[in-house]
Amino acid sequence: HSPKNTLTDNTANSNSDNGIYLLYSSNNNTLTNNTANSNSWGGISLSSSSYNTLTKNTANSNSDNGIYLSSSSYNTLTDNTANSNSDNGIYLNSSSKNTLTNNTANLNDRDGIKIWLSSNNFLTNNTANSNKKYGIYLFYSSNNILINNISCFNEK
């Protein structure tokens, strides 16, 4: 439980777990221009956390997801990069009412952007290219709005 923090220009690389992890009502935080690469778990993870703003962060080459939201709502992700991760680039799991704009999720070992059991999310101008599964994958998800996203050269 860590509300109302600002994380800017931090490096969280090569850790044995997540690079940056907000959990259990870590609400109203701002993460800007952080780097979370090559971690043994995920790059940036939010669990049961809402009203956070993630802008211009990099989460590349992690052993799990680049950016992962679980049971997290009303978050805004803008201009983030999540490339070359061993799982998904950006993964929303049981998360609703989030806004994803101008994010890049390329060259991931699974999906570029995965929306799973999640509703009422808004995705615009995101790029998800050359992923080993789907560029943008929605499963058991409803009422999501996708506008002007690019998804090319994915294997499925």
C-alpha atoms as a PDB file:
ATOM      1  CA  HIS A   1       0.000   0.000   0.000  1.00  0.00           C
ATOM      2  CA  SER A   2       1.964   2.983  -1.308  1.00  0.00           C
ATOM      3  CA  PRO A   3      -0.194   5.851  -2.584  1.00  0.00           C
ATOM      4  CA  LYS A   4       0.754   9.215  -4.111  1.00  0.00           C
ATOM      5  CA  ASN A   5       4.403   8.613  -4.999  1.00  0.00           C
ATOM      6  CA  THR A   6       6.372   9.959  -7.945  1.00  0.00           C
ATOM      7  CA  LEU A   7       9.016   7.742  -9.551  1.00  0.00           C
ATOM      8  CA  THR A   8      11.055   9.531 -12.221  1.00  0.00           C
ATOM      9  CA  ASP A   9      14.279   8.638 -14.054  1.00  0.00           C
ATOM     10  CA  ASN A  10      14.959   5.455 -12.084  1.00  0.00           C
ATOM     11  CA  THR A  11      16.718   2.340 -13.343  1.00  0.00           C
ATOM     12  CA  ALA A  12      15.544  -1.076 -12.109  1.00  0.00           C
ATOM     13  CA  ASN A  13      17.428  -3.581 -14.258  1.00  0.00           C
ATOM     14  CA  SER A  14      18.554  -7.195 -13.773  1.00  0.00           C
ATOM     15  CA  ASN A  15      16.605  -7.849 -10.566  1.00  0.00           C
ATOM     16  CA  SER A  16      15.576 -11.329  -9.371  1.00  0.00           C
ATOM     17  CA  ASP A  17      11.877 -10.313  -9.338  1.00  0.00           C
ATOM     18  CA  ASN A  18       9.999  -7.382 -10.897  1.00  0.00           C
ATOM     19  CA  GLY A  19      11.854  -4.206 -11.726  1.00  0.00           C
ATOM     20  CA  ILE A  20       9.092  -1.925 -10.389  1.00  0.00           C
ATOM     21  CA  TYR A  21       6.088  -3.352  -8.530  1.00  0.00           C
ATOM     22  CA  LEU A  22       3.042  -1.466  -7.221  1.00  0.00           C
ATOM     23  CA  LEU A  23       0.618  -3.622  -5.270  1.00  0.00           C
ATOM     24  CA  TYR A  24      -2.358  -3.640  -2.919  1.00  0.00           C
ATOM     25  CA  SER A  25      -3.965  -0.237  -3.321  1.00  0.00           C
ATOM     26  CA  SER A  26      -0.863   1.567  -4.498  1.00  0.00           C
ATOM     27  CA  ASN A  27      -3.019   4.293  -6.021  1.00  0.00           C
ATOM     28  CA  ASN A  28      -2.393   7.722  -7.539  1.00  0.00           C
ATOM     29  CA  ASN A  29       1.283   7.164  -8.328  1.00  0.00           C
ATOM     30  CA  THR A  30       3.170   8.710 -11.235  1.00  0.00           C
ATOM     31  CA  LEU A  31       5.914   6.745 -13.008  1.00  0.00           C
ATOM     32  CA  THR A  32       7.834   8.698 -15.650  1.00  0.00           C
ATOM     33  CA  ASN A  33      10.919   7.877 -17.696  1.00  0.00           C
ATOM     34  CA  ASN A  34      11.907   4.809 -15.691  1.00  0.00           C
ATOM     35  CA  THR A  35      13.817   1.843 -17.092  1.00  0.00           C
ATOM     36  CA  ALA A  36      12.995  -1.726 -15.995  1.00  0.00           C
ATOM     37  CA  ASN A  37      14.902  -4.086 -18.281  1.00  0.00           C
ATOM     38  CA  SER A  38      16.255  -7.640 -18.061  1.00  0.00           C
ATOM     39  CA  ASN A  39      14.507  -8.563 -14.814  1.00  0.00           C
ATOM     40  CA  SER A  40      13.946 -12.205 -13.833  1.00  0.00           C
ATOM     41  CA  TRP A  41      10.218 -11.586 -13.570  1.00  0.00           C
ATOM     42  CA  GLY A  42       8.439  -8.564 -15.054  1.00  0.00           C
ATOM     43  CA  GLY A  43       9.503  -5.050 -15.868  1.00  0.00           C
ATOM     44  CA  ILE A  44       6.715  -2.931 -14.346  1.00  0.00           C
ATOM     45  CA  SER A  45       3.808  -4.632 -12.541  1.00  0.00           C
ATOM     46  CA  LEU A  46       0.674  -3.231 -10.930  1.00  0.00           C
ATOM     47  CA  SER A  47      -1.560  -5.436  -8.799  1.00  0.00           C
ATOM     48  CA  SER A  48      -4.853  -4.207  -7.303  1.00  0.00           C
ATOM     49  CA  SER A  49      -3.726  -0.632  -7.922  1.00  0.00           C
ATOM     50  CA  SER A  50      -5.667   2.205  -9.555  1.00  0.00           C
ATOM     51  CA  TYR A  51      -5.389   5.782 -10.805  1.00  0.00           C
ATOM     52  CA  ASN A  52      -1.696   5.471 -11.650  1.00  0.00           C
ATOM     53  CA  THR A  53      -0.007   7.239 -14.560  1.00  0.00           C
ATOM     54  CA  LEU A  54       2.834   5.528 -16.443  1.00  0.00           C
ATOM     55  CA  THR A  55       4.546   7.713 -19.055  1.00  0.00           C
ATOM     56  CA  LYS A  56       7.667   7.170 -21.174  1.00  0.00           C
ATOM     57  CA  ASN A  57       8.851   4.102 -19.265  1.00  0.00           C
ATOM     58  CA  THR A  58      10.888   1.308 -20.828  1.00  0.00           C
ATOM     59  CA  ALA A  59      10.337  -2.360 -19.910  1.00  0.00           C
ATOM     60  CA  ASN A  60      12.353  -4.489 -22.330  1.00  0.00           C
ATOM     61  CA  SER A  61      13.916  -7.966 -22.309  1.00  0.00           C
ATOM     62  CA  ASN A  62      12.261  -9.158 -19.093  1.00  0.00           C
ATOM     63  CA  SER A  63      11.728 -12.866 -18.363  1.00  0.00           C
ATOM     64  CA  ASP A  64       7.965 -12.351 -17.979  1.00  0.00           C
ATOM     65  CA  ASN A  65       5.767  -9.428 -19.101  1.00  0.00           C
ATOM     66  CA  GLY A  66       7.088  -5.979 -19.878  1.00  0.00           C
ATOM     67  CA  ILE A  67       4.190  -4.089 -18.258  1.00  0.00           C
ATOM     68  CA  TYR A  68       1.558  -6.077 -16.340  1.00  0.00           C
ATOM     69  CA  LEU A  69      -1.683  -4.880 -14.756  1.00  0.00           C
ATOM     70  CA  SER A  70      -3.640  -7.338 -12.615  1.00  0.00           C
ATOM     71  CA  SER A  71      -6.980  -6.357 -11.048  1.00  0.00           C
ATOM     72  CA  SER A  72      -6.046  -2.726 -11.644  1.00  0.00           C
ATOM     73  CA  SER A  73      -8.357  -0.013 -12.981  1.00  0.00           C
ATOM     74  CA  TYR A  74      -8.349   3.627 -14.076  1.00  0.00           C
ATOM     75  CA  ASN A  75      -4.648   3.621 -14.956  1.00  0.00           C
ATOM     76  CA  THR A  76      -3.168   5.614 -17.837  1.00  0.00           C
ATOM     77  CA  LEU A  77      -0.253   4.237 -19.879  1.00  0.00           C
ATOM     78  CA  THR A  78       1.233   6.645 -22.434  1.00  0.00           C
ATOM     79  CA  ASP A  79       4.373   6.481 -24.594  1.00  0.00           C
ATOM     80  CA  ASN A  80       5.770   3.375 -22.883  1.00  0.00           C
ATOM     81  CA  THR A  81       7.966   0.782 -24.598  1.00  0.00           C
ATOM     82  CA  ALA A  82       7.688  -2.949 -23.825  1.00  0.00           C
ATOM     83  CA  ASN A  83       9.775  -4.857 -26.372  1.00  0.00           C
ATOM     84  CA  SER A  84      11.533  -8.232 -26.517  1.00  0.00           C
ATOM     85  CA  ASN A  85      10.006  -9.681 -23.345  1.00  0.00           C
ATOM     86  CA  SER A  86       9.785 -13.449 -22.807  1.00  0.00           C
ATOM     87  CA  ASP A  87       6.017 -13.268 -22.265  1.00  0.00           C
ATOM     88  CA  ASN A  88       3.777 -10.349 -23.335  1.00  0.00           C
ATOM     89  CA  GLY A  89       4.721  -6.755 -23.941  1.00  0.00           C
ATOM     90  CA  ILE A  90       1.742  -5.188 -22.143  1.00  0.00           C
ATOM     91  CA  TYR A  91      -0.744  -7.446 -20.348  1.00  0.00           C
ATOM     92  CA  LEU A  92      -4.032  -6.374 -18.738  1.00  0.00           C
ATOM     93  CA  ASN A  93      -5.460  -9.217 -16.626  1.00  0.00           C
ATOM     94  CA  SER A  94      -8.839  -8.670 -14.928  1.00  0.00           C
ATOM     95  CA  SER A  95      -8.296  -4.935 -15.301  1.00  0.00           C
ATOM     96  CA  SER A  96     -10.881  -2.411 -16.456  1.00  0.00           C
ATOM     97  CA  LYS A  97     -11.219   1.231 -17.424  1.00  0.00           C
ATOM     98  CA  ASN A  98      -7.556   1.731 -18.291  1.00  0.00           C
ATOM     99  CA  THR A  99      -6.297   3.968 -21.095  1.00  0.00           C
ATOM    100  CA  LEU A 100      -3.356   2.918 -23.291  1.00  0.00           C
ATOM    101  CA  THR A 101      -2.074   5.519 -25.761  1.00  0.00           C
ATOM    102  CA  ASN A 102       1.009   5.586 -28.016  1.00  0.00           C
ATOM    103  CA  ASN A 103       2.655   2.551 -26.427  1.00  0.00           C
ATOM    104  CA  THR A 104       4.993   0.217 -28.311  1.00  0.00           C
ATOM    105  CA  ALA A 105       5.025  -3.563 -27.746  1.00  0.00           C
ATOM    106  CA  ASN A 106       7.157  -5.260 -30.402  1.00  0.00           C
ATOM    107  CA  LEU A 107       9.184  -8.466 -30.692  1.00  0.00           C
ATOM    108  CA  ASN A 108       7.716 -10.174 -27.610  1.00  0.00           C
ATOM    109  CA  ASP A 109       7.700 -13.971 -27.261  1.00  0.00           C
ATOM    110  CA  ARG A 110       3.904 -14.053 -26.839  1.00  0.00           C
ATOM    111  CA  ASP A 111       1.497 -11.179 -27.533  1.00  0.00           C
ATOM    112  CA  GLY A 112       2.314  -7.531 -27.992  1.00  0.00           C
ATOM    113  CA  ILE A 113      -0.728  -6.326 -26.034  1.00  0.00           C
ATOM    114  CA  LYS A 114      -2.922  -8.882 -24.241  1.00  0.00           C
ATOM    115  CA  ILE A 115      -6.327  -7.967 -22.801  1.00  0.00           C
ATOM    116  CA  TRP A 116      -7.596 -10.900 -20.690  1.00  0.00           C
ATOM    117  CA  LEU A 117     -10.829 -10.919 -18.652  1.00  0.00           C
ATOM    118  CA  SER A 118     -10.797  -7.123 -18.901  1.00  0.00           C
ATOM    119  CA  SER A 119     -13.474  -4.644 -19.928  1.00  0.00           C
ATOM    120  CA  ASN A 120     -14.017  -1.006 -20.767  1.00  0.00           C
ATOM    121  CA  ASN A 121     -10.408  -0.249 -21.671  1.00  0.00           C
ATOM    122  CA  PHE A 122      -9.465   2.341 -24.296  1.00  0.00           C
ATOM    123  CA  LEU A 123      -6.526   1.645 -26.617  1.00  0.00           C
ATOM    124  CA  THR A 124      -5.472   4.224 -29.182  1.00  0.00           C
ATOM    125  CA  ASN A 125      -2.403   4.697 -31.391  1.00  0.00           C
ATOM    126  CA  ASN A 126      -0.491   1.743 -29.943  1.00  0.00           C
ATOM    127  CA  THR A 127       1.956  -0.326 -31.991  1.00  0.00           C
ATOM    128  CA  ALA A 128       2.306  -4.105 -31.585  1.00  0.00           C
ATOM    129  CA  ASN A 129       4.456  -5.567 -34.361  1.00  0.00           C
ATOM    130  CA  SER A 130       6.520  -8.708 -34.959  1.00  0.00           C
ATOM    131  CA  ASN A 131       5.371 -10.591 -31.856  1.00  0.00           C
ATOM    132  CA  LYS A 132       5.524 -14.389 -31.797  1.00  0.00           C
ATOM    133  CA  LYS A 133       1.777 -14.726 -31.200  1.00  0.00           C
ATOM    134  CA  TYR A 134      -0.771 -11.933 -31.638  1.00  0.00           C
ATOM    135  CA  GLY A 135      -0.154  -8.222 -31.937  1.00  0.00           C
ATOM    136  CA  ILE A 136      -3.246  -7.300 -29.922  1.00  0.00           C
ATOM    137  CA  TYR A 137      -5.152 -10.172 -28.292  1.00  0.00           C
ATOM    138  CA  LEU A 138      -8.492  -9.871 -26.489  1.00  0.00           C
ATOM    139  CA  PHE A 139      -9.840 -12.932 -24.662  1.00  0.00           C
ATOM    140  CA  TYR A 140     -12.959 -13.084 -22.471  1.00  0.00           C
ATOM    141  CA  SER A 141     -13.020  -9.296 -22.637  1.00  0.00           C
ATOM    142  CA  SER A 142     -15.862  -6.921 -23.494  1.00  0.00           C
ATOM    143  CA  ASN A 143     -16.656  -3.281 -24.188  1.00  0.00           C
ATOM    144  CA  ASN A 144     -13.076  -2.343 -25.021  1.00  0.00           C
ATOM    145  CA  ILE A 145     -12.480   0.418 -27.568  1.00  0.00           C
ATOM    146  CA  LEU A 146      -9.535   0.172 -29.977  1.00  0.00           C
ATOM    147  CA  ILE A 147      -8.794   3.067 -32.341  1.00  0.00           C
ATOM    148  CA  ASN A 148      -5.868   3.585 -34.751  1.00  0.00           C
ATOM    149  CA  ASN A 149      -3.657   0.829 -33.366  1.00  0.00           C
ATOM    150  CA  ILE A 150      -1.048  -0.823 -35.595  1.00  0.00           C
ATOM    151  CA  SER A 151      -0.507  -4.582 -35.494  1.00  0.00           C
ATOM    152  CA  CYS A 152       1.664  -6.019 -38.282  1.00  0.00           C
ATOM    153  CA  PHE A 153       3.953  -8.975 -38.962  1.00  0.00           C
ATOM    154  CA  ASN A 154       2.814 -10.976 -35.929  1.00  0.00           C
ATOM    155  CA  GLU A 155       2.978 -14.754 -36.225  1.00  0.00           C
ATOM    156  CA  LYS A 156      -0.747 -15.324 -35.450  1.00  0.00           C
END
